[in-house]
Amino acid sequence: MNAISGLSGVDRVMAIRAQILERNAALSRAGAVPSSPAETPADAQSFTATFEQAVKSVNDTQNRASSLSEMYERGETVDIAKVMLARQEASVAFEATLQVRNKILAAYKDIMSMPV
């Protein structure tokens, strides 16, 4: 489990918000184009690696929500609020990933329709 799972509801939401802001900053840094090769950071990730990591994170979130749901359905002692929060978190993460995919496809279509 991650560090967020042991927090209360509000603290958990704030921790998730902080993670989203960190990922957003990482994506902004990954998308920044250096003005010269000397400014390229040594540990810069490619867009593909960053996007793959984000998709894996969404998958992990969905697997965790499914696991919690199954535990609740089996009658194990799992707080229903924790289950619902995990499911909502997975839903929001998936929807955000879907929106990013749609924007990428739209950009690709725009680029492909440009005259050469």
PDB file of N, CA and C in Angstrom:
ATOM      1  N   MET A   1       0.824  -1.187   0.000  1.00  0.00           N
ATOM      2  CA  MET A   1       0.000   0.000   0.000  1.00  0.00           C
ATOM      3  C   MET A   1       0.864   1.245   0.000  1.00  0.00           C
ATOM      4  N   ASN A   2       0.291   2.321  -0.476  1.00  0.00           N
ATOM      5  CA  ASN A   2       1.057   3.555  -0.508  1.00  0.00           C
ATOM      6  C   ASN A   2       0.812   4.382   0.745  1.00  0.00           C
ATOM      7  N   ALA A   3       1.486   5.505   0.836  1.00  0.00           N
ATOM      8  CA  ALA A   3       1.416   6.342   2.034  1.00  0.00           C
ATOM      9  C   ALA A   3       0.055   7.000   2.195  1.00  0.00           C
ATOM     10  N   ILE A   4      -0.720   7.109   1.140  1.00  0.00           N
ATOM     11  CA  ILE A   4      -2.013   7.784   1.190  1.00  0.00           C
ATOM     12  C   ILE A   4      -3.059   6.938   1.893  1.00  0.00           C
ATOM     13  N   SER A   5      -2.956   5.612   1.825  1.00  0.00           N
ATOM     14  CA  SER A   5      -4.011   4.745   2.333  1.00  0.00           C
ATOM     15  C   SER A   5      -4.250   4.881   3.832  1.00  0.00           C
ATOM     16  N   GLY A   6      -3.292   5.319   4.608  1.00  0.00           N
ATOM     17  CA  GLY A   6      -3.456   5.431   6.048  1.00  0.00           C
ATOM     18  C   GLY A   6      -3.991   6.773   6.521  1.00  0.00           C
ATOM     19  N   LEU A   7      -4.327   7.674   5.641  1.00  0.00           N
ATOM     20  CA  LEU A   7      -4.768   9.015   6.017  1.00  0.00           C
ATOM     21  C   LEU A   7      -6.281   9.104   6.106  1.00  0.00           C
ATOM     22  N   SER A   8      -6.800  10.137   6.778  1.00  0.00           N
ATOM     23  CA  SER A   8      -8.234  10.365   6.848  1.00  0.00           C
ATOM     24  C   SER A   8      -8.732  10.916   5.512  1.00  0.00           C
ATOM     25  N   GLY A   9     -10.036  11.055   5.376  1.00  0.00           N
ATOM     26  CA  GLY A   9     -10.651  11.469   4.110  1.00  0.00           C
ATOM     27  C   GLY A   9     -10.109  12.769   3.541  1.00  0.00           C
ATOM     28  N   VAL A  10     -10.127  13.829   4.328  1.00  0.00           N
ATOM     29  CA  VAL A  10      -9.672  15.144   3.846  1.00  0.00           C
ATOM     30  C   VAL A  10      -8.171  15.123   3.575  1.00  0.00           C
ATOM     31  N   ASP A  11      -7.412  14.508   4.495  1.00  0.00           N
ATOM     32  CA  ASP A  11      -5.970  14.433   4.299  1.00  0.00           C
ATOM     33  C   ASP A  11      -5.645  13.627   3.053  1.00  0.00           C
ATOM     34  N   ARG A  12      -6.427  12.597   2.809  1.00  0.00           N
ATOM     35  CA  ARG A  12      -6.225  11.745   1.634  1.00  0.00           C
ATOM     36  C   ARG A  12      -6.457  12.524   0.341  1.00  0.00           C
ATOM     37  N   VAL A  13      -7.540  13.296   0.329  1.00  0.00           N
ATOM     38  CA  VAL A  13      -7.845  14.107  -0.857  1.00  0.00           C
ATOM     39  C   VAL A  13      -6.741  15.135  -1.089  1.00  0.00           C
ATOM     40  N   MET A  14      -6.259  15.742  -0.011  1.00  0.00           N
ATOM     41  CA  MET A  14      -5.187  16.728  -0.151  1.00  0.00           C
ATOM     42  C   MET A  14      -3.898  16.068  -0.630  1.00  0.00           C
ATOM     43  N   ALA A  15      -3.622  14.845  -0.162  1.00  0.00           N
ATOM     44  CA  ALA A  15      -2.428  14.127  -0.615  1.00  0.00           C
ATOM     45  C   ALA A  15      -2.548  13.760  -2.086  1.00  0.00           C
ATOM     46  N   ILE A  16      -3.741  13.356  -2.517  1.00  0.00           N
ATOM     47  CA  ILE A  16      -3.965  13.037  -3.931  1.00  0.00           C
ATOM     48  C   ILE A  16      -3.804  14.293  -4.773  1.00  0.00           C
ATOM     49  N   ARG A  17      -4.320  15.420  -4.264  1.00  0.00           N
ATOM     50  CA  ARG A  17      -4.177  16.685  -4.983  1.00  0.00           C
ATOM     51  C   ARG A  17      -2.703  17.038  -5.142  1.00  0.00           C
ATOM     52  N   ALA A  18      -1.923  16.846  -4.074  1.00  0.00           N
ATOM     53  CA  ALA A  18      -0.491  17.138  -4.132  1.00  0.00           C
ATOM     54  C   ALA A  18       0.199  16.242  -5.153  1.00  0.00           C
ATOM     55  N   GLN A  19      -0.201  14.969  -5.214  1.00  0.00           N
ATOM     56  CA  GLN A  19       0.379  14.064  -6.209  1.00  0.00           C
ATOM     57  C   GLN A  19       0.044  14.518  -7.621  1.00  0.00           C
ATOM     58  N   ILE A  20      -1.186  14.951  -7.829  1.00  0.00           N
ATOM     59  CA  ILE A  20      -1.593  15.424  -9.160  1.00  0.00           C
ATOM     60  C   ILE A  20      -0.774  16.649  -9.546  1.00  0.00           C
ATOM     61  N   LEU A  21      -0.582  17.567  -8.606  1.00  0.00           N
ATOM     62  CA  LEU A  21       0.218  18.756  -8.897  1.00  0.00           C
ATOM     63  C   LEU A  21       1.667  18.383  -9.207  1.00  0.00           C
ATOM     64  N   GLU A  22       2.214  17.406  -8.467  1.00  0.00           N
ATOM     65  CA  GLU A  22       3.584  16.960  -8.742  1.00  0.00           C
ATOM     66  C   GLU A  22       3.693  16.348 -10.131  1.00  0.00           C
ATOM     67  N   ARG A  23       2.719  15.512 -10.489  1.00  0.00           N
ATOM     68  CA  ARG A  23       2.736  14.891 -11.818  1.00  0.00           C
ATOM     69  C   ARG A  23       2.567  15.938 -12.910  1.00  0.00           C
ATOM     70  N   ASN A  24       1.719  16.927 -12.654  1.00  0.00           N
ATOM     71  CA  ASN A  24       1.524  17.990 -13.627  1.00  0.00           C
ATOM     72  C   ASN A  24       2.825  18.753 -13.839  1.00  0.00           C
ATOM     73  N   ALA A  25       3.534  19.036 -12.748  1.00  0.00           N
ATOM     74  CA  ALA A  25       4.816  19.727 -12.859  1.00  0.00           C
ATOM     75  C   ALA A  25       5.831  18.867 -13.607  1.00  0.00           C
ATOM     76  N   ALA A  26       5.817  17.559 -13.342  1.00  0.00           N
ATOM     77  CA  ALA A  26       6.729  16.656 -14.043  1.00  0.00           C
ATOM     78  C   ALA A  26       6.414  16.613 -15.532  1.00  0.00           C
ATOM     79  N   LEU A  27       5.127  16.588 -15.865  1.00  0.00           N
ATOM     80  CA  LEU A  27       4.747  16.603 -17.278  1.00  0.00           C
ATOM     81  C   LEU A  27       5.132  17.917 -17.944  1.00  0.00           C
ATOM     82  N   SER A  28       5.002  19.020 -17.213  1.00  0.00           N
ATOM     83  CA  SER A  28       5.398  20.320 -17.762  1.00  0.00           C
ATOM     84  C   SER A  28       6.898  20.358 -18.019  1.00  0.00           C
ATOM     85  N   ARG A  29       7.675  19.816 -17.065  1.00  0.00           N
ATOM     86  CA  ARG A  29       9.122  19.773 -17.267  1.00  0.00           C
ATOM     87  C   ARG A  29       9.474  18.857 -18.429  1.00  0.00           C
ATOM     88  N   ALA A  30       8.768  17.750 -18.582  1.00  0.00           N
ATOM     89  CA  ALA A  30       9.060  16.799 -19.658  1.00  0.00           C
ATOM     90  C   ALA A  30       8.713  17.406 -21.018  1.00  0.00           C
ATOM     91  N   GLY A  31       7.689  18.274 -21.043  1.00  0.00           N
ATOM     92  CA  GLY A  31       7.272  18.873 -22.300  1.00  0.00           C
ATOM     93  C   GLY A  31       8.040  20.123 -22.679  1.00  0.00           C
ATOM     94  N   ALA A  32       8.836  20.664 -21.765  1.00  0.00           N
ATOM     95  CA  ALA A  32       9.606  21.871 -22.043  1.00  0.00           C
ATOM     96  C   ALA A  32      10.734  21.547 -23.023  1.00  0.00           C
ATOM     97  N   VAL A  33      10.882  22.398 -24.023  1.00  0.00           N
ATOM     98  CA  VAL A  33      11.923  22.203 -25.025  1.00  0.00           C
ATOM     99  C   VAL A  33      13.114  23.078 -24.676  1.00  0.00           C
ATOM    100  N   PRO A  34      14.291  22.502 -24.441  1.00  0.00           N
ATOM    101  CA  PRO A  34      15.464  23.317 -24.126  1.00  0.00           C
ATOM    102  C   PRO A  34      15.909  24.103 -25.361  1.00  0.00           C
ATOM    103  N   SER A  35      16.492  25.280 -25.123  1.00  0.00           N
ATOM    104  CA  SER A  35      16.908  26.120 -26.245  1.00  0.00           C
ATOM    105  C   SER A  35      18.222  25.648 -26.856  1.00  0.00           C
ATOM    106  N   SER A  36      19.002  24.880 -26.118  1.00  0.00           N
ATOM    107  CA  SER A  36      20.242  24.348 -26.662  1.00  0.00           C
ATOM    108  C   SER A  36      20.481  22.954 -26.087  1.00  0.00           C
ATOM    109  N   PRO A  37      21.268  22.119 -26.771  1.00  0.00           N
ATOM    110  CA  PRO A  37      21.524  20.779 -26.254  1.00  0.00           C
ATOM    111  C   PRO A  37      22.202  20.776 -24.892  1.00  0.00           C
ATOM    112  N   ALA A  38      22.936  21.823 -24.566  1.00  0.00           N
ATOM    113  CA  ALA A  38      23.620  21.896 -23.283  1.00  0.00           C
ATOM    114  C   ALA A  38      22.629  22.005 -22.124  1.00  0.00           C
ATOM    115  N   GLU A  39      21.391  22.490 -22.403  1.00  0.00           N
ATOM    116  CA  GLU A  39      20.388  22.657 -21.353  1.00  0.00           C
ATOM    117  C   GLU A  39      19.547  21.406 -21.145  1.00  0.00           C
ATOM    118  N   THR A  40      19.764  20.350 -21.904  1.00  0.00           N
ATOM    119  CA  THR A  40      18.988  19.132 -21.769  1.00  0.00           C
ATOM    120  C   THR A  40      19.369  18.432 -20.474  1.00  0.00           C
ATOM    121  N   PRO A  41      18.401  18.205 -19.578  1.00  0.00           N
ATOM    122  CA  PRO A  41      18.742  17.529 -18.329  1.00  0.00           C
ATOM    123  C   PRO A  41      19.125  16.078 -18.590  1.00  0.00           C
ATOM    124  N   ALA A  42      20.040  15.564 -17.780  1.00  0.00           N
ATOM    125  CA  ALA A  42      20.536  14.204 -17.977  1.00  0.00           C
ATOM    126  C   ALA A  42      19.463  13.164 -17.682  1.00  0.00           C
ATOM    127  N   ASP A  43      18.531  13.470 -16.779  1.00  0.00           N
ATOM    128  CA  ASP A  43      17.526  12.492 -16.403  1.00  0.00           C
ATOM    129  C   ASP A  43      16.166  12.773 -17.039  1.00  0.00           C
ATOM    130  N   ALA A  44      16.120  13.501 -18.143  1.00  0.00           N
ATOM    131  CA  ALA A  44      14.862  13.823 -18.797  1.00  0.00           C
ATOM    132  C   ALA A  44      14.227  12.560 -19.365  1.00  0.00           C
ATOM    133  N   GLN A  45      12.927  12.401 -19.100  1.00  0.00           N
ATOM    134  CA  GLN A  45      12.202  11.262 -19.627  1.00  0.00           C
ATOM    135  C   GLN A  45      11.550  11.652 -20.946  1.00  0.00           C
ATOM    136  N   SER A  46      11.368  10.673 -21.797  1.00  0.00           N
ATOM    137  CA  SER A  46      10.664  10.932 -23.036  1.00  0.00           C
ATOM    138  C   SER A  46       9.170  11.030 -22.740  1.00  0.00           C
ATOM    139  N   PHE A  47       8.428  11.570 -23.668  1.00  0.00           N
ATOM    140  CA  PHE A  47       6.982  11.671 -23.503  1.00  0.00           C
ATOM    141  C   PHE A  47       6.375  10.292 -23.363  1.00  0.00           C
ATOM    142  N   THR A  48       6.874   9.348 -24.154  1.00  0.00           N
ATOM    143  CA  THR A  48       6.353   7.984 -24.110  1.00  0.00           C
ATOM    144  C   THR A  48       6.534   7.372 -22.733  1.00  0.00           C
ATOM    145  N   ALA A  49       7.705   7.532 -22.149  1.00  0.00           N
ATOM    146  CA  ALA A  49       7.968   6.963 -20.823  1.00  0.00           C
ATOM    147  C   ALA A  49       7.090   7.624 -19.766  1.00  0.00           C
ATOM    148  N   THR A  50       6.913   8.924 -19.860  1.00  0.00           N
ATOM    149  CA  THR A  50       6.080   9.638 -18.901  1.00  0.00           C
ATOM    150  C   THR A  50       4.631   9.203 -19.016  1.00  0.00           C
ATOM    151  N   PHE A  51       4.147   9.088 -20.250  1.00  0.00           N
ATOM    152  CA  PHE A  51       2.759   8.683 -20.468  1.00  0.00           C
ATOM    153  C   PHE A  51       2.557   7.231 -20.034  1.00  0.00           C
ATOM    154  N   GLU A  52       3.526   6.383 -20.317  1.00  0.00           N
ATOM    155  CA  GLU A  52       3.437   4.977 -19.905  1.00  0.00           C
ATOM    156  C   GLU A  52       3.373   4.874 -18.383  1.00  0.00           C
ATOM    157  N   GLN A  53       4.171   5.670 -17.700  1.00  0.00           N
ATOM    158  CA  GLN A  53       4.158   5.677 -16.237  1.00  0.00           C
ATOM    159  C   GLN A  53       2.794   6.148 -15.721  1.00  0.00           C
ATOM    160  N   ALA A  54       2.224   7.149 -16.358  1.00  0.00           N
ATOM    161  CA  ALA A  54       0.912   7.647 -15.938  1.00  0.00           C
ATOM    162  C   ALA A  54      -0.168   6.592 -16.146  1.00  0.00           C
ATOM    163  N   VAL A  55      -0.114   5.875 -17.270  1.00  0.00           N
ATOM    164  CA  VAL A  55      -1.099   4.828 -17.535  1.00  0.00           C
ATOM    165  C   VAL A  55      -0.953   3.686 -16.526  1.00  0.00           C
ATOM    166  N   LYS A  56       0.279   3.329 -16.195  1.00  0.00           N
ATOM    167  CA  LYS A  56       0.498   2.286 -15.188  1.00  0.00           C
ATOM    168  C   LYS A  56      -0.055   2.729 -13.838  1.00  0.00           C
ATOM    169  N   SER A  57       0.107   3.997 -13.507  1.00  0.00           N
ATOM    170  CA  SER A  57      -0.414   4.516 -12.252  1.00  0.00           C
ATOM    171  C   SER A  57      -1.937   4.434 -12.224  1.00  0.00           C
ATOM    172  N   VAL A  58      -2.583   4.770 -13.336  1.00  0.00           N
ATOM    173  CA  VAL A  58      -4.038   4.673 -13.434  1.00  0.00           C
ATOM    174  C   VAL A  58      -4.461   3.209 -13.296  1.00  0.00           C
ATOM    175  N   ASN A  59      -3.731   2.312 -13.936  1.00  0.00           N
ATOM    176  CA  ASN A  59      -4.041   0.890 -13.839  1.00  0.00           C
ATOM    177  C   ASN A  59      -3.919   0.402 -12.397  1.00  0.00           C
ATOM    178  N   ASP A  60      -2.861   0.821 -11.708  1.00  0.00           N
ATOM    179  CA  ASP A  60      -2.685   0.445 -10.307  1.00  0.00           C
ATOM    180  C   ASP A  60      -3.842   0.961  -9.451  1.00  0.00           C
ATOM    181  N   THR A  61      -4.275   2.181  -9.725  1.00  0.00           N
ATOM    182  CA  THR A  61      -5.392   2.773  -8.987  1.00  0.00           C
ATOM    183  C   THR A  61      -6.668   1.971  -9.213  1.00  0.00           C
ATOM    184  N   GLN A  62      -6.912   1.574 -10.472  1.00  0.00           N
ATOM    185  CA  GLN A  62      -8.101   0.787 -10.771  1.00  0.00           C
ATOM    186  C   GLN A  62      -8.027  -0.605 -10.149  1.00  0.00           C
ATOM    187  N   ASN A  63      -6.850  -1.212 -10.156  1.00  0.00           N
ATOM    188  CA  ASN A  63      -6.692  -2.524  -9.530  1.00  0.00           C
ATOM    189  C   ASN A  63      -6.932  -2.443  -8.029  1.00  0.00           C
ATOM    190  N   ARG A  64      -6.449  -1.380  -7.408  1.00  0.00           N
ATOM    191  CA  ARG A  64      -6.650  -1.195  -5.968  1.00  0.00           C
ATOM    192  C   ARG A  64      -8.126  -1.021  -5.658  1.00  0.00           C
ATOM    193  N   ALA A  65      -8.827  -0.235  -6.469  1.00  0.00           N
ATOM    194  CA  ALA A  65     -10.263  -0.037  -6.261  1.00  0.00           C
ATOM    195  C   ALA A  65     -11.027  -1.349  -6.442  1.00  0.00           C
ATOM    196  N   SER A  66     -10.653  -2.129  -7.444  1.00  0.00           N
ATOM    197  CA  SER A  66     -11.296  -3.425  -7.655  1.00  0.00           C
ATOM    198  C   SER A  66     -11.047  -4.363  -6.485  1.00  0.00           C
ATOM    199  N   SER A  67      -9.824  -4.343  -6.000  1.00  0.00           N
ATOM    200  CA  SER A  67      -9.469  -5.194  -4.863  1.00  0.00           C
ATOM    201  C   SER A  67     -10.284  -4.828  -3.625  1.00  0.00           C
ATOM    202  N   LEU A  68     -10.381  -3.539  -3.344  1.00  0.00           N
ATOM    203  CA  LEU A  68     -11.170  -3.092  -2.192  1.00  0.00           C
ATOM    204  C   LEU A  68     -12.640  -3.446  -2.352  1.00  0.00           C
ATOM    205  N   SER A  69     -13.164  -3.302  -3.566  1.00  0.00           N
ATOM    206  CA  SER A  69     -14.565  -3.649  -3.827  1.00  0.00           C
ATOM    207  C   SER A  69     -14.804  -5.136  -3.600  1.00  0.00           C
ATOM    208  N   GLU A  70     -13.892  -5.963  -4.089  1.00  0.00           N
ATOM    209  CA  GLU A  70     -14.024  -7.404  -3.904  1.00  0.00           C
ATOM    210  C   GLU A  70     -13.946  -7.775  -2.422  1.00  0.00           C
ATOM    211  N   MET A  71     -13.052  -7.126  -1.696  1.00  0.00           N
ATOM    212  CA  MET A  71     -12.937  -7.394  -0.256  1.00  0.00           C
ATOM    213  C   MET A  71     -14.240  -7.036   0.452  1.00  0.00           C
ATOM    214  N   TYR A  72     -14.840  -5.914   0.090  1.00  0.00           N
ATOM    215  CA  TYR A  72     -16.098  -5.488   0.704  1.00  0.00           C
ATOM    216  C   TYR A  72     -17.218  -6.463   0.359  1.00  0.00           C
ATOM    217  N   GLU A  73     -17.261  -6.898  -0.915  1.00  0.00           N
ATOM    218  CA  GLU A  73     -18.302  -7.824  -1.349  1.00  0.00           C
ATOM    219  C   GLU A  73     -18.189  -9.178  -0.660  1.00  0.00           C
ATOM    220  N   ARG A  74     -16.966  -9.601  -0.319  1.00  0.00           N
ATOM    221  CA  ARG A  74     -16.769 -10.865   0.383  1.00  0.00           C
ATOM    222  C   ARG A  74     -17.113 -10.752   1.863  1.00  0.00           C
ATOM    223  N   GLY A  75     -17.371  -9.551   2.342  1.00  0.00           N
ATOM    224  CA  GLY A  75     -17.745  -9.357   3.730  1.00  0.00           C
ATOM    225  C   GLY A  75     -16.579  -9.089   4.660  1.00  0.00           C
ATOM    226  N   GLU A  76     -15.413  -8.841   4.100  1.00  0.00           N
ATOM    227  CA  GLU A  76     -14.260  -8.523   4.944  1.00  0.00           C
ATOM    228  C   GLU A  76     -14.452  -7.144   5.561  1.00  0.00           C
ATOM    229  N   THR A  77     -13.737  -6.874   6.618  1.00  0.00           N
ATOM    230  CA  THR A  77     -13.896  -5.601   7.316  1.00  0.00           C
ATOM    231  C   THR A  77     -13.175  -4.491   6.566  1.00  0.00           C
ATOM    232  N   VAL A  78     -13.909  -3.886   5.650  1.00  0.00           N
ATOM    233  CA  VAL A  78     -13.403  -2.771   4.853  1.00  0.00           C
ATOM    234  C   VAL A  78     -14.423  -1.644   4.959  1.00  0.00           C
ATOM    235  N   ASP A  79     -13.958  -0.463   5.252  1.00  0.00           N
ATOM    236  CA  ASP A  79     -14.830   0.697   5.375  1.00  0.00           C
ATOM    237  C   ASP A  79     -15.424   1.040   4.011  1.00  0.00           C
ATOM    238  N   ILE A  80     -16.757   1.191   3.949  1.00  0.00           N
ATOM    239  CA  ILE A  80     -17.435   1.496   2.685  1.00  0.00           C
ATOM    240  C   ILE A  80     -16.970   2.840   2.123  1.00  0.00           C
ATOM    241  N   ALA A  81     -16.663   3.784   2.999  1.00  0.00           N
ATOM    242  CA  ALA A  81     -16.179   5.091   2.527  1.00  0.00           C
ATOM    243  C   ALA A  81     -14.839   4.933   1.818  1.00  0.00           C
ATOM    244  N   LYS A  82     -13.992   4.069   2.339  1.00  0.00           N
ATOM    245  CA  LYS A  82     -12.692   3.814   1.712  1.00  0.00           C
ATOM    246  C   LYS A  82     -12.877   3.186   0.332  1.00  0.00           C
ATOM    247  N   VAL A  83     -13.837   2.264   0.230  1.00  0.00           N
ATOM    248  CA  VAL A  83     -14.124   1.607  -1.051  1.00  0.00           C
ATOM    249  C   VAL A  83     -14.641   2.628  -2.056  1.00  0.00           C
ATOM    250  N   MET A  84     -15.588   3.453  -1.641  1.00  0.00           N
ATOM    251  CA  MET A  84     -16.182   4.437  -2.551  1.00  0.00           C
ATOM    252  C   MET A  84     -15.157   5.487  -2.973  1.00  0.00           C
ATOM    253  N   LEU A  85     -14.293   5.893  -2.040  1.00  0.00           N
ATOM    254  CA  LEU A  85     -13.264   6.869  -2.380  1.00  0.00           C
ATOM    255  C   LEU A  85     -12.270   6.289  -3.380  1.00  0.00           C
ATOM    256  N   ALA A  86     -11.890   5.023  -3.192  1.00  0.00           N
ATOM    257  CA  ALA A  86     -10.972   4.369  -4.122  1.00  0.00           C
ATOM    258  C   ALA A  86     -11.601   4.228  -5.497  1.00  0.00           C
ATOM    259  N   ARG A  87     -12.874   3.885  -5.547  1.00  0.00           N
ATOM    260  CA  ARG A  87     -13.564   3.757  -6.843  1.00  0.00           C
ATOM    261  C   ARG A  87     -13.679   5.106  -7.544  1.00  0.00           C
ATOM    262  N   GLN A  88     -13.981   6.152  -6.774  1.00  0.00           N
ATOM    263  CA  GLN A  88     -14.082   7.492  -7.362  1.00  0.00           C
ATOM    264  C   GLN A  88     -12.717   7.965  -7.849  1.00  0.00           C
ATOM    265  N   GLU A  89     -11.673   7.695  -7.080  1.00  0.00           N
ATOM    266  CA  GLU A  89     -10.310   8.058  -7.481  1.00  0.00           C
ATOM    267  C   GLU A  89      -9.939   7.361  -8.786  1.00  0.00           C
ATOM    268  N   ALA A  90     -10.279   6.078  -8.910  1.00  0.00           N
ATOM    269  CA  ALA A  90      -9.995   5.331 -10.129  1.00  0.00           C
ATOM    270  C   ALA A  90     -10.784   5.892 -11.311  1.00  0.00           C
ATOM    271  N   SER A  91     -12.018   6.263 -11.052  1.00  0.00           N
ATOM    272  CA  SER A  91     -12.853   6.829 -12.111  1.00  0.00           C
ATOM    273  C   SER A  91     -12.294   8.161 -12.623  1.00  0.00           C
ATOM    274  N   VAL A  92     -11.892   9.016 -11.695  1.00  0.00           N
ATOM    275  CA  VAL A  92     -11.331  10.323 -12.080  1.00  0.00           C
ATOM    276  C   VAL A  92     -10.010  10.141 -12.828  1.00  0.00           C
ATOM    277  N   ALA A  93      -9.187   9.218 -12.349  1.00  0.00           N
ATOM    278  CA  ALA A  93      -7.904   8.963 -13.016  1.00  0.00           C
ATOM    279  C   ALA A  93      -8.117   8.448 -14.430  1.00  0.00           C
ATOM    280  N   PHE A  94      -9.075   7.546 -14.605  1.00  0.00           N
ATOM    281  CA  PHE A  94      -9.360   7.017 -15.937  1.00  0.00           C
ATOM    282  C   PHE A  94      -9.903   8.105 -16.855  1.00  0.00           C
ATOM    283  N   GLU A  95     -10.806   8.912 -16.335  1.00  0.00           N
ATOM    284  CA  GLU A  95     -11.386   9.992 -17.148  1.00  0.00           C
ATOM    285  C   GLU A  95     -10.317  11.000 -17.575  1.00  0.00           C
ATOM    286  N   ALA A  96      -9.397  11.327 -16.672  1.00  0.00           N
ATOM    287  CA  ALA A  96      -8.311  12.246 -17.021  1.00  0.00           C
ATOM    288  C   ALA A  96      -7.416  11.643 -18.101  1.00  0.00           C
ATOM    289  N   THR A  97      -7.112  10.352 -17.973  1.00  0.00           N
ATOM    290  CA  THR A  97      -6.299   9.674 -18.984  1.00  0.00           C
ATOM    291  C   THR A  97      -7.014   9.665 -20.328  1.00  0.00           C
ATOM    292  N   LEU A  98      -8.306   9.443 -20.307  1.00  0.00           N
ATOM    293  CA  LEU A  98      -9.093   9.441 -21.540  1.00  0.00           C
ATOM    294  C   LEU A  98      -9.063  10.823 -22.204  1.00  0.00           C
ATOM    295  N   GLN A  99      -9.159  11.879 -21.401  1.00  0.00           N
ATOM    296  CA  GLN A  99      -9.119  13.237 -21.958  1.00  0.00           C
ATOM    297  C   GLN A  99      -7.753  13.553 -22.561  1.00  0.00           C
ATOM    298  N   VAL A 100      -6.683  13.095 -21.907  1.00  0.00           N
ATOM    299  CA  VAL A 100      -5.333  13.296 -22.456  1.00  0.00           C
ATOM    300  C   VAL A 100      -5.211  12.565 -23.784  1.00  0.00           C
ATOM    301  N   ARG A 101      -5.701  11.329 -23.834  1.00  0.00           N
ATOM    302  CA  ARG A 101      -5.667  10.557 -25.080  1.00  0.00           C
ATOM    303  C   ARG A 101      -6.424  11.292 -26.194  1.00  0.00           C
ATOM    304  N   ASN A 102      -7.594  11.822 -25.873  1.00  0.00           N
ATOM    305  CA  ASN A 102      -8.383  12.547 -26.871  1.00  0.00           C
ATOM    306  C   ASN A 102      -7.636  13.778 -27.380  1.00  0.00           C
ATOM    307  N   LYS A 103      -6.969  14.490 -26.491  1.00  0.00           N
ATOM    308  CA  LYS A 103      -6.194  15.675 -26.904  1.00  0.00           C
ATOM    309  C   LYS A 103      -5.012  15.272 -27.787  1.00  0.00           C
ATOM    310  N   ILE A 104      -4.368  14.171 -27.450  1.00  0.00           N
ATOM    311  CA  ILE A 104      -3.247  13.692 -28.259  1.00  0.00           C
ATOM    312  C   ILE A 104      -3.725  13.300 -29.656  1.00  0.00           C
ATOM    313  N   LEU A 105      -4.847  12.598 -29.722  1.00  0.00           N
ATOM    314  CA  LEU A 105      -5.397  12.206 -31.026  1.00  0.00           C
ATOM    315  C   LEU A 105      -5.805  13.429 -31.849  1.00  0.00           C
ATOM    316  N   ALA A 106      -6.391  14.418 -31.192  1.00  0.00           N
ATOM    317  CA  ALA A 106      -6.781  15.642 -31.906  1.00  0.00           C
ATOM    318  C   ALA A 106      -5.546  16.367 -32.448  1.00  0.00           C
ATOM    319  N   ALA A 107      -4.491  16.430 -31.635  1.00  0.00           N
ATOM    320  CA  ALA A 107      -3.254  17.071 -32.096  1.00  0.00           C
ATOM    321  C   ALA A 107      -2.653  16.295 -33.264  1.00  0.00           C
ATOM    322  N   TYR A 108      -2.671  14.969 -33.183  1.00  0.00           N
ATOM    323  CA  TYR A 108      -2.150  14.143 -34.265  1.00  0.00           C
ATOM    324  C   TYR A 108      -2.936  14.382 -35.556  1.00  0.00           C
ATOM    325  N   LYS A 109      -4.269  14.440 -35.453  1.00  0.00           N
ATOM    326  CA  LYS A 109      -5.090  14.698 -36.635  1.00  0.00           C
ATOM    327  C   LYS A 109      -4.801  16.078 -37.214  1.00  0.00           C
ATOM    328  N   ASP A 110      -4.615  17.079 -36.346  1.00  0.00           N
ATOM    329  CA  ASP A 110      -4.282  18.419 -36.825  1.00  0.00           C
ATOM    330  C   ASP A 110      -2.942  18.436 -37.561  1.00  0.00           C
ATOM    331  N   ILE A 111      -1.965  17.748 -37.006  1.00  0.00           N
ATOM    332  CA  ILE A 111      -0.645  17.696 -37.628  1.00  0.00           C
ATOM    333  C   ILE A 111      -0.721  16.967 -38.969  1.00  0.00           C
ATOM    334  N   MET A 112      -1.458  15.871 -39.021  1.00  0.00           N
ATOM    335  CA  MET A 112      -1.554  15.087 -40.257  1.00  0.00           C
ATOM    336  C   MET A 112      -2.321  15.835 -41.347  1.00  0.00           C
ATOM    337  N   SER A 113      -3.217  16.737 -40.959  1.00  0.00           N
ATOM    338  CA  SER A 113      -3.978  17.473 -41.969  1.00  0.00           C
ATOM    339  C   SER A 113      -3.278  18.743 -42.444  1.00  0.00           C
ATOM    340  N   MET A 114      -2.109  19.055 -41.887  1.00  0.00           N
ATOM    341  CA  MET A 114      -1.347  20.240 -42.314  1.00  0.00           C
ATOM    342  C   MET A 114      -0.745  19.994 -43.700  1.00  0.00           C
ATOM    343  N   PRO A 115      -0.812  21.002 -44.556  1.00  0.00           N
ATOM    344  CA  PRO A 115      -0.165  20.848 -45.865  1.00  0.00           C
ATOM    345  C   PRO A 115       1.353  20.880 -45.723  1.00  0.00           C
ATOM    346  N   VAL A 116       2.005  20.076 -46.534  1.00  0.00           N
ATOM    347  CA  VAL A 116       3.461  19.986 -46.451  1.00  0.00           C
ATOM    348  C   VAL A 116       4.132  21.005 -47.304  1.00  0.00           C
TER     349      VAL A 116
END
